[in-house]
Amino acid sequence: MPELALVDLADTAARIQSAIGSVIEGKPEVIKLALTVLLAEGHILIEDVPGVGKTMLAKSVARAIDCSVRRIQFTPDLMPSDVTGVSVFNQETREFEFKPGGVFANIVVGDEINRASPKTQSALLECMEERQVTVDGTTYQLEAPFMVVATQNPIEMEGTYPLPEAQRDRFMMRLSMGYPSPQHEIEMIDTHGSTSALDPLEPVSDAAHVHKLVRLVRGVFVADPIKEYAVALTTATRTSPDLRLGASPRATLHLIRAAKAWAALAGREYVLPDDLQALAVPVLSHRLLPTAEAQIGRRDAASIVTDLVQRIPQPEPAR
């Protein structure tokens, strides 16, 4: 990757992070992870309690890069055709016409995705994995870049349907916003108390330039020992006695792709073991199912992944 390209990527990323940071107060790490997923061609699942800025983060990402945005409010009566689109008979032409659904955009904001039925949730599976939608036997390609930013409330809350494992596995990362610090909450009141937080946000890039940066990230070098380290991490989840479902091969691929973007954001054209360690929890934990014994011991998937990262030996540095 040319040095000039890395400088351009870092400069654009810094401007996007700054623009989003003007709306999302005090969450630079979450913003950087969201940008990592965008550059790695993945999708984000943001899980947290209501009112902490999940939807606002998704909207500000879309506004900052000036691309097409569609928001889908998932409700119990939402139908799969509302997501993918539907063929409607035109009385004048005597032919069926395709009416695109909510997924036909660069950034698709799926708000409260776990309030819809599993049947409707599954309407996102094809578009998330293959960047296309098939309706009535006809396949429609989705425009690049394409990213689904889904928000969900914790599954213990009333009126929610847990996402099936196949759907969770298609999200590159699961992020949690968390509550802001008292200082940042006061700043939020002062800054956004009387107007919409998104009104002053001006685009700092566009879809075409972001697509160019995505292609640059693909060229980040991953050495064979790094690939073996990534496989060792995911394999450890499959053999862990604390987990009844480990990470899939797709998780390994997502970990490598995210590490490439993370390295590029740091100004490097190669991936380090530290990149995999920094991303292991957000990339792997939502795909795993702890055993009943681990749950009784109050060990969640994130803590189990953290322990595995500490136990798996890093590759030896090249000499």
C-alpha atoms as a PDB file:
ATOM      1  CA  MET A   1       0.000   0.000   0.000  1.00  0.00           C
ATOM      2  CA  PRO A   2       1.529   3.380  -0.976  1.00  0.00           C
ATOM      3  CA  GLU A   3       2.467   5.678   1.884  1.00  0.00           C
ATOM      4  CA  LEU A   4       0.367   8.470   0.361  1.00  0.00           C
ATOM      5  CA  ALA A   5      -2.697   6.211   0.420  1.00  0.00           C
ATOM      6  CA  LEU A   6      -2.192   5.485   4.111  1.00  0.00           C
ATOM      7  CA  VAL A   7      -1.932   9.197   4.867  1.00  0.00           C
ATOM      8  CA  ASP A   8      -5.130   9.866   2.929  1.00  0.00           C
ATOM      9  CA  LEU A   9      -6.933   7.070   4.762  1.00  0.00           C
ATOM     10  CA  ALA A  10      -5.787   8.280   8.175  1.00  0.00           C
ATOM     11  CA  ASP A  11      -6.737  11.891   7.367  1.00  0.00           C
ATOM     12  CA  THR A  12     -10.211  10.969   6.116  1.00  0.00           C
ATOM     13  CA  ALA A  13     -10.789   8.633   9.068  1.00  0.00           C
ATOM     14  CA  ALA A  14      -9.774  11.355  11.537  1.00  0.00           C
ATOM     15  CA  ARG A  15     -12.235  13.797   9.972  1.00  0.00           C
ATOM     16  CA  ILE A  16     -15.045  11.226  10.063  1.00  0.00           C
ATOM     17  CA  GLN A  17     -14.290  10.362  13.701  1.00  0.00           C
ATOM     18  CA  SER A  18     -14.242  14.055  14.612  1.00  0.00           C
ATOM     19  CA  ALA A  19     -17.595  14.644  12.887  1.00  0.00           C
ATOM     20  CA  ILE A  20     -19.243  11.706  14.653  1.00  0.00           C
ATOM     21  CA  GLY A  21     -17.611  12.733  17.939  1.00  0.00           C
ATOM     22  CA  SER A  22     -19.382  16.102  17.740  1.00  0.00           C
ATOM     23  CA  VAL A  23     -22.656  14.190  18.124  1.00  0.00           C
ATOM     24  CA  ILE A  24     -21.646  11.181  20.273  1.00  0.00           C
ATOM     25  CA  GLU A  25     -19.986  12.660  23.348  1.00  0.00           C
ATOM     26  CA  GLY A  26     -17.170  10.829  25.134  1.00  0.00           C
ATOM     27  CA  LYS A  27     -17.157   7.570  23.131  1.00  0.00           C
ATOM     28  CA  PRO A  28     -14.023   7.721  20.915  1.00  0.00           C
ATOM     29  CA  GLU A  29     -13.347   3.971  21.183  1.00  0.00           C
ATOM     30  CA  VAL A  30     -16.871   3.050  20.053  1.00  0.00           C
ATOM     31  CA  ILE A  31     -16.616   5.496  17.138  1.00  0.00           C
ATOM     32  CA  LYS A  32     -13.264   4.037  16.065  1.00  0.00           C
ATOM     33  CA  LEU A  33     -14.669   0.498  16.165  1.00  0.00           C
ATOM     34  CA  ALA A  34     -17.665   1.577  14.077  1.00  0.00           C
ATOM     35  CA  LEU A  35     -15.339   3.130  11.502  1.00  0.00           C
ATOM     36  CA  THR A  36     -13.244  -0.048  11.522  1.00  0.00           C
ATOM     37  CA  VAL A  37     -16.309  -2.097  10.579  1.00  0.00           C
ATOM     38  CA  LEU A  38     -17.193   0.334   7.786  1.00  0.00           C
ATOM     39  CA  LEU A  39     -13.717   0.047   6.241  1.00  0.00           C
ATOM     40  CA  ALA A  40     -13.674  -3.745   6.738  1.00  0.00           C
ATOM     41  CA  GLU A  41     -16.982  -4.185   4.843  1.00  0.00           C
ATOM     42  CA  GLY A  42     -18.784  -5.548   7.872  1.00  0.00           C
ATOM     43  CA  HIS A  43     -21.958  -4.875   9.825  1.00  0.00           C
ATOM     44  CA  ILE A  44     -22.496  -3.630  13.369  1.00  0.00           C
ATOM     45  CA  LEU A  45     -24.857  -4.794  16.100  1.00  0.00           C
ATOM     46  CA  ILE A  46     -25.206  -2.158  18.825  1.00  0.00           C
ATOM     47  CA  GLU A  47     -26.734  -3.614  21.984  1.00  0.00           C
ATOM     48  CA  ASP A  48     -27.555  -1.513  25.017  1.00  0.00           C
ATOM     49  CA  VAL A  49     -30.377  -0.113  27.109  1.00  0.00           C
ATOM     50  CA  PRO A  50     -32.684   2.484  25.514  1.00  0.00           C
ATOM     51  CA  GLY A  51     -31.651   6.115  25.312  1.00  0.00           C
ATOM     52  CA  VAL A  52     -27.846   5.882  25.265  1.00  0.00           C
ATOM     53  CA  GLY A  53     -27.394   6.929  21.613  1.00  0.00           C
ATOM     54  CA  LYS A  54     -27.465   3.657  19.638  1.00  0.00           C
ATOM     55  CA  THR A  55     -29.570   5.016  16.781  1.00  0.00           C
ATOM     56  CA  MET A  56     -27.806   8.385  16.941  1.00  0.00           C
ATOM     57  CA  LEU A  57     -24.443   6.685  16.357  1.00  0.00           C
ATOM     58  CA  ALA A  58     -25.813   4.862  13.321  1.00  0.00           C
ATOM     59  CA  LYS A  59     -27.308   8.035  11.852  1.00  0.00           C
ATOM     60  CA  SER A  60     -24.204  10.138  12.496  1.00  0.00           C
ATOM     61  CA  VAL A  61     -21.988   7.586  10.706  1.00  0.00           C
ATOM     62  CA  ALA A  62     -24.261   7.821   7.683  1.00  0.00           C
ATOM     63  CA  ARG A  63     -24.455  11.626   7.798  1.00  0.00           C
ATOM     64  CA  ALA A  64     -20.668  12.015   8.117  1.00  0.00           C
ATOM     65  CA  ILE A  65     -19.930  10.178   4.862  1.00  0.00           C
ATOM     66  CA  ASP A  66     -22.805  11.702   2.852  1.00  0.00           C
ATOM     67  CA  CYS A  67     -24.260   8.501   1.478  1.00  0.00           C
ATOM     68  CA  SER A  68     -27.734   7.104   1.012  1.00  0.00           C
ATOM     69  CA  VAL A  69     -29.415   6.104   4.275  1.00  0.00           C
ATOM     70  CA  ARG A  70     -32.565   4.142   4.978  1.00  0.00           C
ATOM     71  CA  ARG A  71     -33.945   3.576   8.441  1.00  0.00           C
ATOM     72  CA  ILE A  72     -36.116   0.546   9.191  1.00  0.00           C
ATOM     73  CA  GLN A  73     -38.035   0.565  12.461  1.00  0.00           C
ATOM     74  CA  PHE A  74     -38.410  -3.091  13.371  1.00  0.00           C
ATOM     75  CA  THR A  75     -41.771  -3.849  14.960  1.00  0.00           C
ATOM     76  CA  PRO A  76     -43.696  -7.097  15.614  1.00  0.00           C
ATOM     77  CA  ASP A  77     -45.912  -6.509  12.550  1.00  0.00           C
ATOM     78  CA  LEU A  78     -43.054  -5.690  10.116  1.00  0.00           C
ATOM     79  CA  MET A  79     -43.038  -8.053   7.116  1.00  0.00           C
ATOM     80  CA  PRO A  80     -39.980  -9.400   5.223  1.00  0.00           C
ATOM     81  CA  SER A  81     -41.171  -7.596   2.081  1.00  0.00           C
ATOM     82  CA  ASP A  82     -40.925  -4.291   3.968  1.00  0.00           C
ATOM     83  CA  VAL A  83     -37.201  -4.995   4.302  1.00  0.00           C
ATOM     84  CA  THR A  84     -36.312  -6.491   0.916  1.00  0.00           C
ATOM     85  CA  GLY A  85     -38.979  -5.015  -1.356  1.00  0.00           C
ATOM     86  CA  VAL A  86     -41.953  -6.408  -3.237  1.00  0.00           C
ATOM     87  CA  SER A  87     -43.191  -6.868  -6.798  1.00  0.00           C
ATOM     88  CA  VAL A  88     -46.396  -4.878  -7.464  1.00  0.00           C
ATOM     89  CA  PHE A  89     -48.676  -5.350 -10.472  1.00  0.00           C
ATOM     90  CA  ASN A  90     -48.959  -2.199 -12.601  1.00  0.00           C
ATOM     91  CA  GLN A  91     -52.442  -1.952 -14.089  1.00  0.00           C
ATOM     92  CA  GLU A  92     -51.296   0.385 -16.887  1.00  0.00           C
ATOM     93  CA  THR A  93     -48.339  -1.652 -18.185  1.00  0.00           C
ATOM     94  CA  ARG A  94     -49.888  -4.988 -17.198  1.00  0.00           C
ATOM     95  CA  GLU A  95     -46.535  -6.013 -15.714  1.00  0.00           C
ATOM     96  CA  PHE A  96     -45.050  -6.485 -12.272  1.00  0.00           C
ATOM     97  CA  GLU A  97     -42.790  -3.707 -11.019  1.00  0.00           C
ATOM     98  CA  PHE A  98     -40.253  -4.078  -8.233  1.00  0.00           C
ATOM     99  CA  LYS A  99     -40.588  -1.627  -5.365  1.00  0.00           C
ATOM    100  CA  PRO A 100     -37.271  -1.591  -3.423  1.00  0.00           C
ATOM    101  CA  GLY A 101     -37.393  -2.132   0.330  1.00  0.00           C
ATOM    102  CA  GLY A 102     -35.452  -0.487   3.109  1.00  0.00           C
ATOM    103  CA  VAL A 103     -32.171  -2.324   2.440  1.00  0.00           C
ATOM    104  CA  PHE A 104     -31.502  -0.440  -0.792  1.00  0.00           C
ATOM    105  CA  ALA A 105     -29.098   2.145   0.614  1.00  0.00           C
ATOM    106  CA  ASN A 106     -25.413   2.478   1.523  1.00  0.00           C
ATOM    107  CA  ILE A 107     -26.151   2.578   5.250  1.00  0.00           C
ATOM    108  CA  VAL A 108     -29.173   0.669   6.538  1.00  0.00           C
ATOM    109  CA  VAL A 109     -30.175   1.529  10.091  1.00  0.00           C
ATOM    110  CA  GLY A 110     -32.160  -1.346  11.578  1.00  0.00           C
ATOM    111  CA  ASP A 111     -33.634   0.146  14.730  1.00  0.00           C
ATOM    112  CA  GLU A 112     -34.562  -2.266  17.539  1.00  0.00           C
ATOM    113  CA  ILE A 113     -34.032  -5.261  15.284  1.00  0.00           C
ATOM    114  CA  ASN A 114     -35.003  -7.741  17.976  1.00  0.00           C
ATOM    115  CA  ARG A 115     -38.541  -6.362  18.239  1.00  0.00           C
ATOM    116  CA  ALA A 116     -39.430  -7.993  14.899  1.00  0.00           C
ATOM    117  CA  SER A 117     -40.240 -11.670  14.481  1.00  0.00           C
ATOM    118  CA  PRO A 118     -37.483 -14.122  13.477  1.00  0.00           C
ATOM    119  CA  LYS A 119     -39.144 -14.427  10.056  1.00  0.00           C
ATOM    120  CA  THR A 120     -38.599 -10.711   9.408  1.00  0.00           C
ATOM    121  CA  GLN A 121     -35.143 -10.691  10.964  1.00  0.00           C
ATOM    122  CA  SER A 122     -34.061 -13.378   8.481  1.00  0.00           C
ATOM    123  CA  ALA A 123     -34.884 -11.040   5.577  1.00  0.00           C
ATOM    124  CA  LEU A 124     -31.511  -9.403   6.251  1.00  0.00           C
ATOM    125  CA  LEU A 125     -29.455 -12.590   5.922  1.00  0.00           C
ATOM    126  CA  GLU A 126     -28.876 -12.542   2.156  1.00  0.00           C
ATOM    127  CA  CYS A 127     -28.150  -8.835   1.853  1.00  0.00           C
ATOM    128  CA  MET A 128     -25.700  -8.855   4.759  1.00  0.00           C
ATOM    129  CA  GLU A 129     -23.692 -11.795   3.462  1.00  0.00           C
ATOM    130  CA  GLU A 130     -23.898 -11.417  -0.322  1.00  0.00           C
ATOM    131  CA  ARG A 131     -24.721  -7.715  -0.845  1.00  0.00           C
ATOM    132  CA  GLN A 132     -27.758  -8.664  -2.909  1.00  0.00           C
ATOM    133  CA  VAL A 133     -31.496  -9.221  -2.570  1.00  0.00           C
ATOM    134  CA  THR A 134     -33.555 -11.890  -4.333  1.00  0.00           C
ATOM    135  CA  VAL A 135     -37.283 -11.246  -4.757  1.00  0.00           C
ATOM    136  CA  ASP A 136     -39.577 -13.432  -6.878  1.00  0.00           C
ATOM    137  CA  GLY A 137     -36.600 -15.165  -8.492  1.00  0.00           C
ATOM    138  CA  THR A 138     -34.848 -11.939  -9.528  1.00  0.00           C
ATOM    139  CA  THR A 139     -31.580 -10.864  -7.883  1.00  0.00           C
ATOM    140  CA  TYR A 140     -30.827  -7.187  -7.285  1.00  0.00           C
ATOM    141  CA  GLN A 141     -27.307  -6.024  -6.410  1.00  0.00           C
ATOM    142  CA  LEU A 142     -26.847  -3.532  -3.580  1.00  0.00           C
ATOM    143  CA  GLU A 143     -24.743  -0.410  -3.974  1.00  0.00           C
ATOM    144  CA  ALA A 144     -21.241  -0.263  -2.423  1.00  0.00           C
ATOM    145  CA  PRO A 145     -20.297   0.582   0.242  1.00  0.00           C
ATOM    146  CA  PHE A 146     -23.043  -1.257   2.095  1.00  0.00           C
ATOM    147  CA  MET A 147     -23.339  -1.609   5.867  1.00  0.00           C
ATOM    148  CA  VAL A 148     -26.125  -2.627   8.212  1.00  0.00           C
ATOM    149  CA  VAL A 149     -26.073  -0.865  11.567  1.00  0.00           C
ATOM    150  CA  ALA A 150     -28.604  -2.659  13.754  1.00  0.00           C
ATOM    151  CA  THR A 151     -29.568  -1.682  17.271  1.00  0.00           C
ATOM    152  CA  GLN A 152     -31.199  -3.926  19.805  1.00  0.00           C
ATOM    153  CA  ASN A 153     -32.336  -3.736  23.392  1.00  0.00           C
ATOM    154  CA  PRO A 154     -31.106  -6.346  25.886  1.00  0.00           C
ATOM    155  CA  ILE A 155     -33.031  -9.585  25.424  1.00  0.00           C
ATOM    156  CA  GLU A 156     -34.363  -9.473  28.974  1.00  0.00           C
ATOM    157  CA  MET A 157     -36.555  -6.488  28.061  1.00  0.00           C
ATOM    158  CA  GLU A 158     -40.231  -6.975  27.300  1.00  0.00           C
ATOM    159  CA  GLY A 159     -41.327  -7.533  23.696  1.00  0.00           C
ATOM    160  CA  THR A 160     -38.004  -8.727  22.262  1.00  0.00           C
ATOM    161  CA  TYR A 161     -37.100 -11.777  20.160  1.00  0.00           C
ATOM    162  CA  PRO A 162     -33.507 -13.028  20.551  1.00  0.00           C
ATOM    163  CA  LEU A 163     -31.522 -12.927  17.300  1.00  0.00           C
ATOM    164  CA  PRO A 164     -30.770 -16.449  16.030  1.00  0.00           C
ATOM    165  CA  GLU A 165     -27.137 -17.549  15.993  1.00  0.00           C
ATOM    166  CA  ALA A 166     -26.990 -17.451  12.168  1.00  0.00           C
ATOM    167  CA  GLN A 167     -27.959 -13.784  12.172  1.00  0.00           C
ATOM    168  CA  ARG A 168     -25.587 -12.770  14.977  1.00  0.00           C
ATOM    169  CA  ASP A 169     -22.743 -14.484  13.130  1.00  0.00           C
ATOM    170  CA  ARG A 170     -23.216 -12.134  10.163  1.00  0.00           C
ATOM    171  CA  PHE A 171     -22.463  -9.066  12.275  1.00  0.00           C
ATOM    172  CA  MET A 172     -18.740  -8.321  12.328  1.00  0.00           C
ATOM    173  CA  MET A 173     -18.912  -6.657  15.746  1.00  0.00           C
ATOM    174  CA  ARG A 174     -21.256  -6.146  18.641  1.00  0.00           C
ATOM    175  CA  LEU A 175     -20.745  -2.813  20.371  1.00  0.00           C
ATOM    176  CA  SER A 176     -22.143  -1.369  23.563  1.00  0.00           C
ATOM    177  CA  MET A 177     -22.516   2.373  24.048  1.00  0.00           C
ATOM    178  CA  GLY A 178     -22.629   2.495  27.837  1.00  0.00           C
ATOM    179  CA  TYR A 179     -23.701   5.504  29.851  1.00  0.00           C
ATOM    180  CA  PRO A 180     -21.758   8.747  29.359  1.00  0.00           C
ATOM    181  CA  SER A 181     -19.726  10.213  32.174  1.00  0.00           C
ATOM    182  CA  PRO A 182     -21.468  12.992  34.166  1.00  0.00           C
ATOM    183  CA  GLN A 183     -19.237  15.580  32.490  1.00  0.00           C
ATOM    184  CA  HIS A 184     -20.076  14.398  28.973  1.00  0.00           C
ATOM    185  CA  GLU A 185     -23.755  14.159  29.875  1.00  0.00           C
ATOM    186  CA  ILE A 186     -23.708  17.811  30.958  1.00  0.00           C
ATOM    187  CA  GLU A 187     -21.925  18.741  27.713  1.00  0.00           C
ATOM    188  CA  MET A 188     -24.596  16.825  25.799  1.00  0.00           C
ATOM    189  CA  ILE A 189     -27.333  18.854  27.521  1.00  0.00           C
ATOM    190  CA  ASP A 190     -25.556  22.134  26.762  1.00  0.00           C
ATOM    191  CA  THR A 191     -24.833  21.267  23.146  1.00  0.00           C
ATOM    192  CA  HIS A 192     -27.926  19.324  22.100  1.00  0.00           C
ATOM    193  CA  GLY A 193     -30.508  20.277  24.696  1.00  0.00           C
ATOM    194  CA  SER A 194     -32.450  22.651  22.437  1.00  0.00           C
ATOM    195  CA  THR A 195     -31.707  21.376  18.893  1.00  0.00           C
ATOM    196  CA  SER A 196     -31.251  18.083  17.099  1.00  0.00           C
ATOM    197  CA  ALA A 197     -27.731  16.727  17.498  1.00  0.00           C
ATOM    198  CA  LEU A 198     -27.549  15.853  13.792  1.00  0.00           C
ATOM    199  CA  ASP A 199     -28.483  19.307  12.439  1.00  0.00           C
ATOM    200  CA  PRO A 200     -24.973  20.836  12.608  1.00  0.00           C
ATOM    201  CA  LEU A 201     -23.220  17.667  11.360  1.00  0.00           C
ATOM    202  CA  GLU A 202     -21.776  18.287   7.897  1.00  0.00           C
ATOM    203  CA  PRO A 203     -20.506  15.462   5.639  1.00  0.00           C
ATOM    204  CA  VAL A 204     -16.711  15.167   5.547  1.00  0.00           C
ATOM    205  CA  SER A 205     -16.480  12.436   2.882  1.00  0.00           C
ATOM    206  CA  ASP A 206     -18.690  10.634   0.377  1.00  0.00           C
ATOM    207  CA  ALA A 207     -19.614   7.098  -0.589  1.00  0.00           C
ATOM    208  CA  ALA A 208     -17.208   6.960  -3.566  1.00  0.00           C
ATOM    209  CA  HIS A 209     -14.215   7.988  -1.443  1.00  0.00           C
ATOM    210  CA  VAL A 210     -15.141   5.565   1.341  1.00  0.00           C
ATOM    211  CA  HIS A 211     -15.366   2.780  -1.250  1.00  0.00           C
ATOM    212  CA  LYS A 212     -11.834   3.704  -2.361  1.00  0.00           C
ATOM    213  CA  LEU A 213     -10.610   3.470   1.244  1.00  0.00           C
ATOM    214  CA  VAL A 214     -12.278   0.064   1.591  1.00  0.00           C
ATOM    215  CA  ARG A 215     -10.266  -1.181  -1.400  1.00  0.00           C
ATOM    216  CA  LEU A 216      -7.081   0.179   0.213  1.00  0.00           C
ATOM    217  CA  VAL A 217      -7.804  -1.741   3.420  1.00  0.00           C
ATOM    218  CA  ARG A 218      -8.049  -4.972   1.442  1.00  0.00           C
ATOM    219  CA  GLY A 219      -4.380  -4.524   0.525  1.00  0.00           C
ATOM    220  CA  VAL A 220      -3.109  -4.477   4.121  1.00  0.00           C
ATOM    221  CA  PHE A 221      -0.595  -7.308   4.557  1.00  0.00           C
ATOM    222  CA  VAL A 222      -1.289 -10.245   6.877  1.00  0.00           C
ATOM    223  CA  ALA A 223       1.675 -12.546   7.536  1.00  0.00           C
ATOM    224  CA  ASP A 224       1.183 -16.296   7.841  1.00  0.00           C
ATOM    225  CA  PRO A 225       1.943 -16.351  11.619  1.00  0.00           C
ATOM    226  CA  ILE A 226      -0.791 -13.741  12.125  1.00  0.00           C
ATOM    227  CA  LYS A 227      -3.269 -15.890  10.198  1.00  0.00           C
ATOM    228  CA  GLU A 228      -2.291 -18.883  12.317  1.00  0.00           C
ATOM    229  CA  TYR A 229      -2.753 -16.805  15.478  1.00  0.00           C
ATOM    230  CA  ALA A 230      -6.255 -15.787  14.378  1.00  0.00           C
ATOM    231  CA  VAL A 231      -7.148 -19.425  13.703  1.00  0.00           C
ATOM    232  CA  ALA A 232      -5.722 -20.412  17.096  1.00  0.00           C
ATOM    233  CA  LEU A 233      -7.942 -17.857  18.842  1.00  0.00           C
ATOM    234  CA  THR A 234     -11.134 -19.034  17.148  1.00  0.00           C
ATOM    235  CA  THR A 235     -10.207 -22.711  17.529  1.00  0.00           C
ATOM    236  CA  ALA A 236      -9.758 -22.155  21.261  1.00  0.00           C
ATOM    237  CA  THR A 237     -13.380 -21.020  21.519  1.00  0.00           C
ATOM    238  CA  ARG A 238     -14.530 -24.279  19.905  1.00  0.00           C
ATOM    239  CA  THR A 239     -12.693 -26.416  22.455  1.00  0.00           C
ATOM    240  CA  SER A 240     -13.274 -24.276  25.556  1.00  0.00           C
ATOM    241  CA  PRO A 241     -15.170 -26.136  28.310  1.00  0.00           C
ATOM    242  CA  ASP A 242     -16.921 -22.854  29.157  1.00  0.00           C
ATOM    243  CA  LEU A 243     -18.588 -22.588  25.724  1.00  0.00           C
ATOM    244  CA  ARG A 244     -21.221 -24.764  24.105  1.00  0.00           C
ATOM    245  CA  LEU A 245     -20.944 -22.899  20.774  1.00  0.00           C
ATOM    246  CA  GLY A 246     -17.608 -21.596  19.510  1.00  0.00           C
ATOM    247  CA  ALA A 247     -16.659 -19.149  16.777  1.00  0.00           C
ATOM    248  CA  SER A 248     -17.315 -20.057  13.145  1.00  0.00           C
ATOM    249  CA  PRO A 249     -14.836 -19.843  10.235  1.00  0.00           C
ATOM    250  CA  ARG A 250     -16.704 -16.670   9.263  1.00  0.00           C
ATOM    251  CA  ALA A 251     -15.629 -15.235  12.621  1.00  0.00           C
ATOM    252  CA  THR A 252     -11.979 -15.908  11.737  1.00  0.00           C
ATOM    253  CA  LEU A 253     -12.432 -14.098   8.433  1.00  0.00           C
ATOM    254  CA  HIS A 254     -14.142 -11.167  10.150  1.00  0.00           C
ATOM    255  CA  LEU A 255     -11.345 -10.964  12.717  1.00  0.00           C
ATOM    256  CA  ILE A 256      -8.697 -10.720   9.983  1.00  0.00           C
ATOM    257  CA  ARG A 257     -10.654  -8.171   7.956  1.00  0.00           C
ATOM    258  CA  ALA A 258     -11.295  -6.023  11.015  1.00  0.00           C
ATOM    259  CA  ALA A 259      -7.612  -6.239  11.980  1.00  0.00           C
ATOM    260  CA  LYS A 260      -6.644  -4.980   8.515  1.00  0.00           C
ATOM    261  CA  ALA A 261      -8.838  -1.910   8.961  1.00  0.00           C
ATOM    262  CA  TRP A 262      -7.588  -1.382  12.529  1.00  0.00           C
ATOM    263  CA  ALA A 263      -3.977  -1.492  11.306  1.00  0.00           C
ATOM    264  CA  ALA A 264      -4.708   0.931   8.451  1.00  0.00           C
ATOM    265  CA  LEU A 265      -6.316   3.376  10.887  1.00  0.00           C
ATOM    266  CA  ALA A 266      -3.086   3.200  12.915  1.00  0.00           C
ATOM    267  CA  GLY A 267      -1.080   4.092   9.795  1.00  0.00           C
ATOM    268  CA  ARG A 268       0.340   0.603   9.258  1.00  0.00           C
ATOM    269  CA  GLU A 269       0.285  -1.490   6.100  1.00  0.00           C
ATOM    270  CA  TYR A 270       0.588  -4.755   8.050  1.00  0.00           C
ATOM    271  CA  VAL A 271      -1.327  -6.455  10.874  1.00  0.00           C
ATOM    272  CA  LEU A 272       0.168  -7.093  14.316  1.00  0.00           C
ATOM    273  CA  PRO A 273      -0.931  -9.595  16.998  1.00  0.00           C
ATOM    274  CA  ASP A 274      -1.967  -6.580  19.091  1.00  0.00           C
ATOM    275  CA  ASP A 275      -4.617  -5.761  16.467  1.00  0.00           C
ATOM    276  CA  LEU A 276      -6.222  -9.183  16.862  1.00  0.00           C
ATOM    277  CA  GLN A 277      -6.103  -8.908  20.650  1.00  0.00           C
ATOM    278  CA  ALA A 278      -7.747  -5.469  20.611  1.00  0.00           C
ATOM    279  CA  LEU A 279     -10.592  -6.718  18.423  1.00  0.00           C
ATOM    280  CA  ALA A 280     -11.129 -10.243  19.765  1.00  0.00           C
ATOM    281  CA  VAL A 281     -13.898  -9.345  22.234  1.00  0.00           C
ATOM    282  CA  PRO A 282     -16.076  -7.136  19.972  1.00  0.00           C
ATOM    283  CA  VAL A 283     -15.629  -9.497  17.001  1.00  0.00           C
ATOM    284  CA  LEU A 284     -16.021 -12.889  18.717  1.00  0.00           C
ATOM    285  CA  SER A 285     -18.072 -12.598  21.916  1.00  0.00           C
ATOM    286  CA  HIS A 286     -21.554 -12.142  20.379  1.00  0.00           C
ATOM    287  CA  ARG A 287     -21.178 -15.385  18.404  1.00  0.00           C
ATOM    288  CA  LEU A 288     -20.469 -17.557  21.441  1.00  0.00           C
ATOM    289  CA  LEU A 289     -22.818 -19.381  23.804  1.00  0.00           C
ATOM    290  CA  PRO A 290     -21.505 -19.991  27.336  1.00  0.00           C
ATOM    291  CA  THR A 291     -22.390 -23.232  29.086  1.00  0.00           C
ATOM    292  CA  ALA A 292     -24.872 -23.300  31.949  1.00  0.00           C
ATOM    293  CA  GLU A 293     -22.010 -23.783  34.392  1.00  0.00           C
ATOM    294  CA  ALA A 294     -20.226 -20.672  33.084  1.00  0.00           C
ATOM    295  CA  GLN A 295     -23.423 -18.650  33.374  1.00  0.00           C
ATOM    296  CA  ILE A 296     -23.937 -19.830  36.946  1.00  0.00           C
ATOM    297  CA  GLY A 297     -20.372 -18.717  37.648  1.00  0.00           C
ATOM    298  CA  ARG A 298     -21.257 -15.295  36.156  1.00  0.00           C
ATOM    299  CA  ARG A 299     -18.791 -15.730  33.298  1.00  0.00           C
ATOM    300  CA  ASP A 300     -20.065 -14.147  30.105  1.00  0.00           C
ATOM    301  CA  ALA A 301     -18.691 -14.637  26.586  1.00  0.00           C
ATOM    302  CA  ALA A 302     -16.594 -11.453  26.719  1.00  0.00           C
ATOM    303  CA  SER A 303     -14.700 -12.530  29.849  1.00  0.00           C
ATOM    304  CA  ILE A 304     -14.141 -16.005  28.398  1.00  0.00           C
ATOM    305  CA  VAL A 305     -12.665 -14.503  25.207  1.00  0.00           C
ATOM    306  CA  THR A 306     -10.433 -12.217  27.308  1.00  0.00           C
ATOM    307  CA  ASP A 307      -9.097 -15.242  29.189  1.00  0.00           C
ATOM    308  CA  LEU A 308      -8.436 -17.127  25.949  1.00  0.00           C
ATOM    309  CA  VAL A 309      -6.551 -14.159  24.471  1.00  0.00           C
ATOM    310  CA  GLN A 310      -4.295 -14.118  27.531  1.00  0.00           C
ATOM    311  CA  ARG A 311      -3.635 -17.869  27.312  1.00  0.00           C
ATOM    312  CA  ILE A 312      -3.013 -18.315  23.576  1.00  0.00           C
ATOM    313  CA  PRO A 313       0.690 -17.640  22.849  1.00  0.00           C
ATOM    314  CA  GLN A 314       1.441 -14.836  20.408  1.00  0.00           C
ATOM    315  CA  PRO A 315       3.463 -15.533  17.264  1.00  0.00           C
ATOM    316  CA  GLU A 316       7.188 -14.979  17.575  1.00  0.00           C
ATOM    317  CA  PRO A 317       8.391 -11.674  16.043  1.00  0.00           C
ATOM    318  CA  ALA A 318      10.202 -11.987  12.720  1.00  0.00           C
ATOM    319  CA  ARG A 319      14.000 -11.827  12.859  1.00  0.00           C
END
